[in-house]
Protein backbone atom coordinates (compact mmCIF):
# COMPACT_ATOMS: atom_id res chain seq x y z
CA UNK A 1 83.43 150.12 48.55
CA UNK A 2 83.38 146.44 49.56
CA UNK A 3 84.19 143.85 46.92
CA UNK A 4 81.03 141.70 46.58
CA UNK A 5 83.20 138.62 46.18
CA UNK A 6 84.58 139.19 49.69
CA UNK A 7 81.25 139.44 51.42
CA UNK A 8 78.54 137.11 52.64
CA UNK A 9 74.93 138.01 51.87
CA UNK A 10 72.54 136.86 54.57
CA UNK A 11 68.77 136.96 54.20
CA UNK A 12 66.73 137.01 57.42
CA UNK A 13 63.57 135.15 56.54
CA UNK A 14 61.86 136.51 59.63
CA UNK A 15 61.95 140.06 58.30
CA UNK A 16 62.87 139.69 54.65
CA UNK A 17 65.88 141.94 55.14
CA UNK A 18 69.26 141.17 53.60
CA UNK A 19 72.64 141.92 55.16
CA UNK A 20 76.03 142.07 53.50
CA UNK A 21 78.76 140.92 55.87
CA UNK A 22 82.46 141.44 55.04
CA UNK A 23 84.66 138.34 54.90
CA UNK A 24 88.17 138.91 56.24
CA UNK A 25 90.74 136.09 56.41
CA UNK A 26 87.97 133.58 55.84
CA UNK A 27 85.90 134.85 58.78
CA UNK A 28 82.95 137.10 59.43
CA UNK A 29 82.79 139.29 62.51
CA UNK A 30 80.44 138.21 65.28
CA UNK A 31 79.63 141.90 65.72
CA UNK A 32 78.28 142.00 62.20
CA UNK A 33 75.91 139.16 63.02
CA UNK A 34 74.58 141.19 65.93
CA UNK A 35 73.08 143.61 63.37
CA UNK A 36 70.64 140.91 62.32
CA UNK A 37 67.61 141.29 64.58
CA UNK A 38 63.86 141.68 64.53
CA UNK A 39 63.52 144.71 66.74
CA UNK A 40 64.53 146.21 70.04
CA UNK A 41 62.98 143.37 72.01
CA UNK A 42 64.99 140.72 70.17
CA UNK A 43 68.78 141.07 70.21
CA UNK A 44 70.84 140.37 67.13
CA UNK A 45 71.93 136.92 66.06
CA UNK A 46 74.76 135.26 67.99
CA UNK A 47 76.80 132.15 67.21
CA UNK A 48 76.24 128.99 69.25
CA UNK A 49 79.54 127.10 69.14
CA UNK A 50 80.31 124.86 72.16
CA UNK A 51 84.01 124.04 72.26
CA UNK A 52 84.82 126.80 69.73
CA UNK A 53 84.84 124.27 66.90
CA UNK A 54 84.52 127.01 64.25
CA UNK A 55 85.15 130.26 66.08
CA UNK A 56 88.33 132.36 65.86
CA UNK A 57 89.01 134.07 69.18
CA UNK A 58 92.14 135.94 68.16
CA UNK A 59 94.62 136.81 65.45
CA UNK A 60 97.95 135.12 66.06
CA UNK A 61 101.32 134.92 64.33
CA UNK A 62 102.76 132.24 66.64
CA UNK A 63 101.78 128.86 65.20
CA UNK A 64 100.32 127.79 61.86
CA UNK A 65 98.50 124.49 61.40
CA UNK A 66 97.01 123.06 58.22
CA UNK A 67 95.25 119.97 59.47
CA UNK A 68 94.27 118.69 56.03
CA UNK A 69 97.87 118.76 54.80
CA UNK A 70 99.56 117.75 58.05
CA UNK A 71 101.53 120.99 58.39
CA UNK A 72 102.78 122.49 61.66
CA UNK A 73 104.93 125.62 61.67
CA UNK A 74 106.29 127.81 64.46
CA UNK A 75 106.55 131.41 63.25
CA UNK A 76 106.67 130.06 59.69
CA UNK A 77 109.38 127.43 60.29
CA UNK A 78 108.37 123.78 59.61
CA UNK A 79 108.38 121.66 62.75
CA UNK A 80 110.49 119.04 60.96
CA UNK A 81 113.36 121.50 60.43
CA UNK A 82 113.22 122.80 63.99
CA UNK A 83 113.17 119.32 65.54
CA UNK A 84 116.13 118.24 63.44
CA UNK A 85 118.35 121.30 63.70
CA UNK A 86 117.34 123.45 66.66
CA UNK A 87 117.34 123.36 70.45
CA UNK A 88 114.37 123.87 72.72
CA UNK A 89 115.61 127.20 74.11
CA UNK A 90 116.20 128.51 70.58
CA UNK A 91 112.66 127.46 69.64
CA UNK A 92 111.30 129.05 72.82
CA UNK A 93 112.95 132.35 71.87
CA UNK A 94 111.52 132.05 68.35
CA UNK A 95 107.98 131.47 69.64
CA UNK A 96 108.08 134.30 72.16
CA UNK A 97 109.95 136.98 70.24
CA UNK A 98 108.98 136.09 66.69
CA UNK A 99 112.39 135.43 65.16
CA UNK A 100 115.39 133.19 65.56
CA UNK A 101 117.96 134.72 67.92
CA UNK A 102 121.26 136.14 66.78
CA UNK A 103 124.36 134.62 68.37
CA UNK A 104 124.48 137.44 70.91
CA UNK A 105 120.75 137.17 71.69
CA UNK A 106 121.03 133.41 72.04
CA UNK A 107 123.95 133.59 74.45
CA UNK A 108 122.15 136.15 76.60
CA UNK A 109 118.89 134.16 76.50
CA UNK A 110 120.53 130.89 77.54
CA UNK A 111 122.54 132.67 80.25
CA UNK A 112 119.42 134.33 81.71
CA UNK A 113 117.44 131.11 81.81
CA UNK A 114 120.34 129.06 83.17
CA UNK A 115 120.83 131.39 86.11
CA UNK A 116 117.14 131.65 86.99
CA UNK A 117 116.58 127.92 87.47
CA UNK A 118 116.75 128.14 91.25
CA UNK A 119 113.56 128.84 93.21
CA UNK A 120 113.08 130.56 96.55
CA UNK A 121 113.50 128.22 99.53
CA UNK A 122 110.00 129.11 100.72
CA UNK A 123 108.64 127.56 97.53
CA UNK A 124 110.59 124.41 98.30
CA UNK A 125 108.88 124.35 101.69
CA UNK A 126 105.51 124.78 99.99
CA UNK A 127 106.13 121.75 97.78
CA UNK A 128 107.35 119.67 100.72
CA UNK A 129 104.03 120.38 102.42
CA UNK A 130 102.09 118.31 99.88
CA UNK A 131 101.03 114.78 100.77
CA UNK A 132 103.39 112.00 99.78
CA UNK A 133 100.94 110.84 97.11
CA UNK A 134 100.06 114.28 95.70
CA UNK A 135 99.61 114.31 91.93
CA UNK A 136 102.62 116.07 90.34
CA UNK A 137 100.35 118.17 88.10
CA UNK A 138 98.52 119.48 91.15
CA UNK A 139 101.87 120.34 92.72
CA UNK A 140 103.06 122.05 89.53
CA UNK A 141 99.85 124.04 89.12
CA UNK A 142 99.95 125.23 92.73
CA UNK A 143 103.64 126.10 92.77
CA UNK A 144 103.48 128.07 89.49
CA UNK A 145 100.50 130.02 90.82
CA UNK A 146 102.44 130.67 94.03
CA UNK A 147 105.30 132.22 92.05
CA UNK A 148 103.12 135.30 91.53
CA UNK A 149 103.43 136.03 95.26
CA UNK A 150 107.23 135.92 95.05
CA UNK A 151 107.31 138.40 92.15
CA UNK A 152 104.54 140.95 92.82
CA UNK A 153 105.95 143.26 90.13
CA UNK A 154 104.70 140.70 87.58
CA UNK A 155 101.30 142.40 87.78
CA UNK A 156 102.75 145.32 85.82
CA UNK A 157 102.19 143.59 82.49
CA UNK A 158 102.46 146.85 80.52
CA UNK A 159 106.21 147.05 81.20
CA UNK A 160 108.10 145.08 78.52
CA UNK A 161 111.20 144.60 80.69
CA UNK A 162 109.13 143.23 83.57
CA UNK A 163 107.30 140.92 81.16
CA UNK A 164 110.62 139.62 79.89
CA UNK A 165 111.84 138.92 83.41
CA UNK A 166 108.77 136.81 84.20
CA UNK A 167 109.07 134.90 80.92
CA UNK A 168 112.69 134.04 81.70
CA UNK A 169 111.86 133.04 85.26
CA UNK A 170 109.01 130.78 84.27
CA UNK A 171 110.83 128.92 81.49
CA UNK A 172 113.83 128.54 83.81
CA UNK A 173 111.95 127.32 86.87
CA UNK A 174 109.45 124.94 85.26
CA UNK A 175 111.95 122.04 84.98
CA UNK A 176 112.98 122.58 88.60
CA UNK A 177 109.39 122.50 89.83
CA UNK A 178 108.52 119.55 87.58
CA UNK A 179 111.55 117.54 88.73
CA UNK A 180 110.84 118.28 92.39
CA UNK A 181 107.24 117.12 91.97
CA UNK A 182 108.63 113.88 90.52
CA UNK A 183 111.11 113.40 93.37
CA UNK A 184 108.45 114.25 95.96
CA UNK A 185 106.28 111.35 94.82
CA UNK A 186 109.23 108.98 95.16
CA UNK A 187 110.22 110.20 98.60
CA UNK A 188 113.63 111.26 97.32
CA UNK A 189 115.46 114.48 98.24
CA UNK A 190 115.07 117.38 95.86
CA UNK A 191 118.06 117.99 93.59
CA UNK A 192 119.13 121.59 92.98
CA UNK A 193 119.87 122.82 89.44
CA UNK A 194 123.35 122.44 88.00
CA UNK A 195 124.11 125.57 85.99
CA UNK A 196 126.96 123.89 84.15
CA UNK A 197 124.47 121.69 82.29
CA UNK A 198 122.22 122.49 79.35
CA UNK A 199 118.47 123.00 79.84
CA UNK A 200 117.49 119.39 79.16
CA UNK A 201 120.60 117.89 80.78
CA UNK A 202 119.85 119.88 83.91
CA UNK A 203 116.28 118.60 83.93
CA UNK A 204 117.42 114.99 83.64
CA UNK A 205 119.93 115.60 86.45
CA UNK A 206 117.26 116.99 88.79
CA UNK A 207 115.07 114.00 87.96
CA UNK A 208 117.50 111.13 88.31
CA UNK A 209 120.66 112.19 90.17
CA UNK A 210 121.34 110.17 93.30
CA UNK A 211 124.66 109.92 95.12
CA UNK A 212 126.97 110.62 92.19
CA UNK A 213 128.85 113.91 92.29
CA UNK A 214 127.93 114.77 88.71
CA UNK A 215 125.05 113.39 86.66
CA UNK A 216 126.02 112.63 83.08
CA UNK A 217 123.00 112.05 80.87
CA UNK A 218 123.29 109.91 77.77
CA UNK A 219 123.44 112.29 74.74
CA UNK A 220 120.78 110.20 72.96
CA UNK A 221 118.34 110.76 75.79
CA UNK A 222 119.16 114.46 75.86
CA UNK A 223 118.47 114.72 72.12
CA UNK A 224 115.23 112.77 72.39
CA UNK A 225 114.02 115.02 75.21
CA UNK A 226 114.97 118.12 73.20
CA UNK A 227 112.87 116.82 70.30
CA UNK A 228 109.92 116.07 72.57
CA UNK A 229 110.14 119.53 74.11
CA UNK A 230 110.22 121.18 70.67
CA UNK A 231 107.23 119.15 69.45
CA UNK A 232 105.18 120.10 72.49
CA UNK A 233 106.19 123.77 72.67
CA UNK A 234 103.01 125.15 71.09
CA UNK A 235 99.95 123.98 69.23
CA UNK A 236 97.83 126.97 68.36
CA UNK A 237 94.51 127.62 70.19
CA UNK A 238 94.04 124.38 72.09
CA UNK A 239 92.20 124.06 75.40
CA UNK A 240 95.10 125.08 77.66
CA UNK A 241 96.23 127.93 75.41
CA UNK A 242 92.67 129.21 75.31
CA UNK A 243 92.64 129.05 79.12
CA UNK A 244 95.88 131.07 79.32
CA UNK A 245 94.48 133.68 76.95
CA UNK A 246 91.08 133.80 78.64
CA UNK A 247 92.51 134.28 82.13
CA UNK A 248 95.21 136.59 80.77
CA UNK A 249 92.54 138.81 79.21
CA UNK A 250 91.74 140.02 82.73
CA UNK A 251 95.28 141.47 82.76
CA UNK A 252 96.38 139.24 85.61
CA UNK A 253 100.06 138.31 86.04
CA UNK A 254 101.51 135.63 83.71
CA UNK A 255 102.08 133.12 86.54
CA UNK A 256 98.35 133.00 87.23
CA UNK A 257 97.59 132.70 83.51
CA UNK A 258 100.03 129.83 83.03
CA UNK A 259 98.68 128.14 86.14
CA UNK A 260 95.29 128.16 84.42
CA UNK A 261 96.89 126.54 81.39
CA UNK A 262 98.34 123.80 83.60
CA UNK A 263 94.89 123.24 85.11
CA UNK A 264 93.41 122.80 81.64
CA UNK A 265 96.21 120.44 80.63
CA UNK A 266 95.55 118.43 83.79
CA UNK A 267 92.28 117.20 82.29
CA UNK A 268 92.31 113.70 80.71
CA UNK A 269 90.83 114.96 77.43
CA UNK A 270 93.82 117.25 76.90
CA UNK A 271 97.04 116.05 78.48
CA UNK A 272 96.34 112.43 79.34
CA UNK A 273 96.06 110.82 75.92
CA UNK A 274 99.51 109.18 75.92
CA UNK A 275 98.73 107.42 79.19
CA UNK A 276 95.53 106.10 77.60
CA UNK A 277 97.60 104.68 74.72
CA UNK A 278 99.75 102.68 77.15
CA UNK A 279 96.66 101.31 78.89
CA UNK A 280 95.26 100.28 75.50
CA UNK A 281 98.48 98.53 74.45
CA UNK A 282 98.66 96.66 77.75
CA UNK A 283 95.05 95.59 77.41
CA UNK A 284 95.76 94.21 73.93
CA UNK A 285 98.69 92.32 75.43
CA UNK A 286 100.07 90.47 72.41
CA UNK A 287 100.25 91.00 68.64
CA UNK A 288 97.95 88.07 67.88
CA UNK A 289 95.10 89.87 69.69
CA UNK A 290 95.33 92.99 67.53
CA UNK A 291 92.91 91.82 64.78
CA UNK A 292 90.20 91.13 67.37
CA UNK A 293 90.85 94.54 68.94
CA UNK A 294 90.55 96.23 65.53
CA UNK A 295 87.20 94.52 64.96
CA UNK A 296 86.12 95.73 68.39
CA UNK A 297 86.98 99.28 67.39
CA UNK A 298 84.91 98.99 64.21
CA UNK A 299 81.99 97.60 66.18
CA UNK A 300 82.16 100.48 68.64
CA UNK A 301 83.18 98.27 71.55
CA UNK A 302 86.78 99.51 71.77
CA UNK A 303 88.50 102.89 71.49
CA UNK A 304 91.62 103.29 69.38
CA UNK A 305 93.69 105.72 71.46
CA UNK A 306 96.47 107.81 69.92
CA UNK A 307 94.83 107.90 66.49
CA UNK A 308 93.09 110.89 64.97
CA UNK A 309 93.18 114.53 66.04
CA UNK A 310 90.76 117.43 66.39
CA UNK A 311 92.91 119.44 63.96
CA UNK A 312 94.90 117.01 61.81
CA UNK A 313 92.79 115.25 59.19
CA UNK A 314 95.70 113.79 57.24
CA UNK A 315 98.56 112.92 59.58
CA UNK A 316 100.13 114.49 62.64
CA UNK A 317 103.59 115.69 61.53
CA UNK A 318 104.82 115.37 65.11
CA UNK A 319 104.08 111.64 65.13
CA UNK A 320 106.59 110.95 62.34
CA UNK A 321 109.32 112.83 64.22
CA UNK A 322 108.61 111.27 67.59
CA UNK A 323 108.66 107.80 66.08
CA UNK A 324 112.32 108.40 65.15
CA UNK A 325 113.06 109.62 68.68
CA UNK A 326 111.80 106.27 69.98
CA UNK A 327 114.73 104.52 68.30
CA UNK A 328 117.29 106.68 70.11
CA UNK A 329 115.64 106.16 73.49
CA UNK A 330 115.27 102.40 73.12
CA UNK A 331 118.95 102.14 72.16
CA UNK A 332 119.69 103.31 75.68
CA UNK A 333 116.85 101.81 77.71
CA UNK A 334 116.13 98.63 75.77
CA UNK A 335 113.09 98.05 73.60
CA UNK A 336 109.73 98.22 75.32
CA UNK A 337 107.66 95.06 74.85
CA UNK A 338 104.75 97.34 73.99
CA UNK A 339 106.61 98.77 70.98
CA UNK A 340 106.01 95.71 68.80
CA UNK A 341 102.30 95.83 69.61
CA UNK A 342 102.21 99.56 68.79
CA UNK A 343 104.01 99.10 65.47
CA UNK A 344 101.82 96.19 64.43
CA UNK A 345 98.67 98.04 65.45
CA UNK A 346 99.77 101.08 63.44
CA UNK A 347 100.56 98.95 60.36
CA UNK A 348 97.19 97.16 60.43
CA UNK A 349 95.19 100.33 61.04
CA UNK A 350 96.93 102.28 58.28
CA UNK A 351 96.14 99.53 55.77
CA UNK A 352 92.46 99.33 56.73
CA UNK A 353 89.91 101.30 54.68
CA UNK A 354 87.82 101.82 57.82
CA UNK A 355 90.52 104.01 59.38
CA UNK A 356 91.78 105.49 56.12
CA UNK A 357 88.30 106.71 55.13
CA UNK A 358 87.90 108.33 58.54
CA UNK A 359 91.35 109.92 58.33
CA UNK A 360 92.50 108.26 61.54
CA UNK A 361 96.29 108.40 61.67
CA UNK A 362 98.72 108.14 64.62
CA UNK A 363 99.12 111.38 66.54
CA UNK A 364 101.92 112.61 68.80
CA UNK A 365 100.53 110.76 71.80
CA UNK A 366 100.76 107.33 70.17
CA UNK A 367 104.52 107.03 70.69
CA UNK A 368 105.34 109.67 73.33
CA UNK A 369 103.98 107.53 76.16
CA UNK A 370 106.32 104.69 75.16
CA UNK A 371 109.29 107.06 75.42
CA UNK A 372 108.22 108.42 78.80
CA UNK A 373 107.69 104.93 80.16
CA UNK A 374 111.09 103.80 78.86
CA UNK A 375 112.61 106.71 80.80
CA UNK A 376 110.99 105.29 83.97
CA UNK A 377 108.39 108.03 84.39
CA UNK A 378 105.14 107.04 86.10
CA UNK A 379 102.03 107.88 84.04
CA UNK A 380 101.09 110.80 86.29
CA UNK A 381 104.33 112.55 85.23
CA UNK A 382 103.50 112.44 81.52
CA UNK A 383 101.45 115.63 81.62
CA UNK A 384 104.16 117.46 83.58
CA UNK A 385 106.58 116.61 80.77
CA UNK A 386 104.03 118.16 78.41
CA UNK A 387 103.57 121.31 80.53
CA UNK A 388 107.27 122.18 80.85
CA UNK A 389 107.86 122.85 77.12
CA UNK A 390 104.31 124.10 76.51
CA UNK A 391 105.10 126.96 78.90
CA UNK A 392 107.07 128.59 76.07
CA UNK A 393 104.01 128.50 73.81
CA UNK A 394 101.68 129.70 76.55
CA UNK A 395 103.96 132.66 77.24
CA UNK A 396 104.26 133.47 73.53
CA UNK A 397 100.46 133.50 73.27
CA UNK A 398 100.12 135.50 76.49
CA UNK A 399 102.63 138.10 75.30
CA UNK A 400 100.82 138.38 71.98
CA UNK A 401 97.52 138.81 73.82
CA UNK A 402 98.87 141.64 75.97
CA UNK A 403 100.01 143.56 72.88
CA UNK A 404 96.79 142.91 70.88
CA UNK A 405 94.65 146.06 70.89
CA UNK A 406 91.62 144.13 69.62
CA UNK A 407 91.48 141.88 72.68
CA UNK A 408 89.01 142.47 75.49
CA UNK A 409 88.32 140.58 78.67
CA UNK A 410 86.86 137.20 77.72
CA UNK A 411 83.09 137.18 78.18
CA UNK A 412 81.26 134.75 75.88
CA UNK A 413 77.51 134.86 75.40
CA UNK A 414 75.16 132.17 76.61
CA UNK A 415 71.77 130.80 75.64
CA UNK A 416 69.69 130.93 78.80
CA UNK A 417 67.56 127.80 79.30
CA UNK A 418 66.28 128.29 82.85
CA UNK A 419 63.05 129.58 84.36
CA UNK A 420 62.01 133.23 84.17
CA UNK A 421 60.15 135.66 86.45
CA UNK A 422 59.28 133.22 89.22
CA UNK A 423 57.59 134.61 92.32
CA UNK A 424 59.64 134.19 95.49
CA UNK A 425 57.85 132.42 98.35
CA UNK A 426 59.35 133.08 101.82
CA UNK A 427 60.70 130.11 103.74
CA UNK A 428 58.04 130.57 106.41
CA UNK A 429 55.41 129.74 103.79
CA UNK A 430 57.38 127.13 101.80
CA UNK A 431 58.21 125.03 104.87
CA UNK A 432 54.73 124.75 106.38
C-alpha cells in the first residue's frame, strides 16, 4: 500500500476524477501522467518542458550537484578534494568505474592510456585534408566520429571488454587529436605523443614542442592544466551529456555518441562562454569603466558574462578552485592585463545588491578563459580544451546508459501546431 505522504493527488477538473501518483526520489513518472485523460479520443496528459528545465531523463550515480549550496561531487567525492589531491586520469577512472583505483588498477589504467595515444596514420591524413583555417572543434568532431571506422568492433557495446578498449582509446587519443587540430591551424607540423610523459605533460608537448629534442613543461602549468581537466571532467546532465546519452540510446558505438557531445559543446551557449568573458573584459578596457558597465548591465544594455549558472544558485565551486590556478599560471606567463579588470569587476558585482539578490556569482568560465589566453591558445581552441577532459564524463554517462535497463531509445513527445487534413492539389492545377 502506498504511503499517502509519498504521493501526489491530482484532480482533473475536466472529468472530476482524482489520481494518486507515486513520488519517488522527488519525481513523478511521466507514464503515470499518461493515465490522466478524457477518453479514447484524447490521449493522457504529457509534460511540456522545452530544454528539460524540470525533467529527469535518467537515474545516474556519476555526478551530484546541489546548485543552491554550491556543491559538486564526482561519485560522492567533493570536487575541492579531487582538484587538490588527485590527477585527471585517477578522476577519469573514478567517473567511469565508480570507485578510486587501487595501486594496481591505477598502474594498469595509466599504462593502457599512455600506450594508446597514437592514432592511425590514415587519421592523420584525414586531419591534414582540412582547410588551413578549419575550426579545431570541427576537426575534433569529425576525427572522433571517424575513429568508429577504424574500430568497427566498437559497435558491440554489450561486450564489457570491448567497451573498455574503446574508453581507453578515446581518453588516450583525444589530446592527440586536439593538439593536432591546434597545430593544423598554425601551419605547424604535427607532434607525435611522447609516452615517457604524463597525460597532461604529453598534451602540452604535442601543443608546443618545436625543434627541441625533449619538451619540458613547467610543473606549475602541468598542475594548472590537471586542475582544469578535473573541473571540466563531468557536470551532470548538461546539453552535451544529454546529446551523448540521446544518441547512445540508439545503441550506436561510443565514438559516434561522443562526436555528438562534441557537436553540442561546439555551440556558443554551451562551450563558448569563456571566450565571451574575454570579449567583455576587452570591451570594458580599463578599471575606471567598470562602474559604467555595471550600470549598463542593470539597465539591460550590457550582458555580464561568466556570472550566474543554470544550475548553481549560490556559487560555482569550480570558480573558487580555478581562481587559485590562475595564480600558478600567471607566475609562469606573466599577469594578464585583463586580470585586474576581472578581479575588480568581480569585487564590485559581489558587493552589489542587484547581483546578490539575483544570485549571480562568478562561474567556472569567468577565469578559465584568462588561463587559456595566458597559455597562448586562440579563442577557438578553448572549447577543445573543454572537450578533452569532458570525454571522461561523457564515457562514464554512456557506460551507465548502456547498463541501465530502464533506458529506451530517446523519443520525446511533441505538441503539434501545424495544419491538419489538408486536401492535396496536383501541381498541374496549382500552377495554372
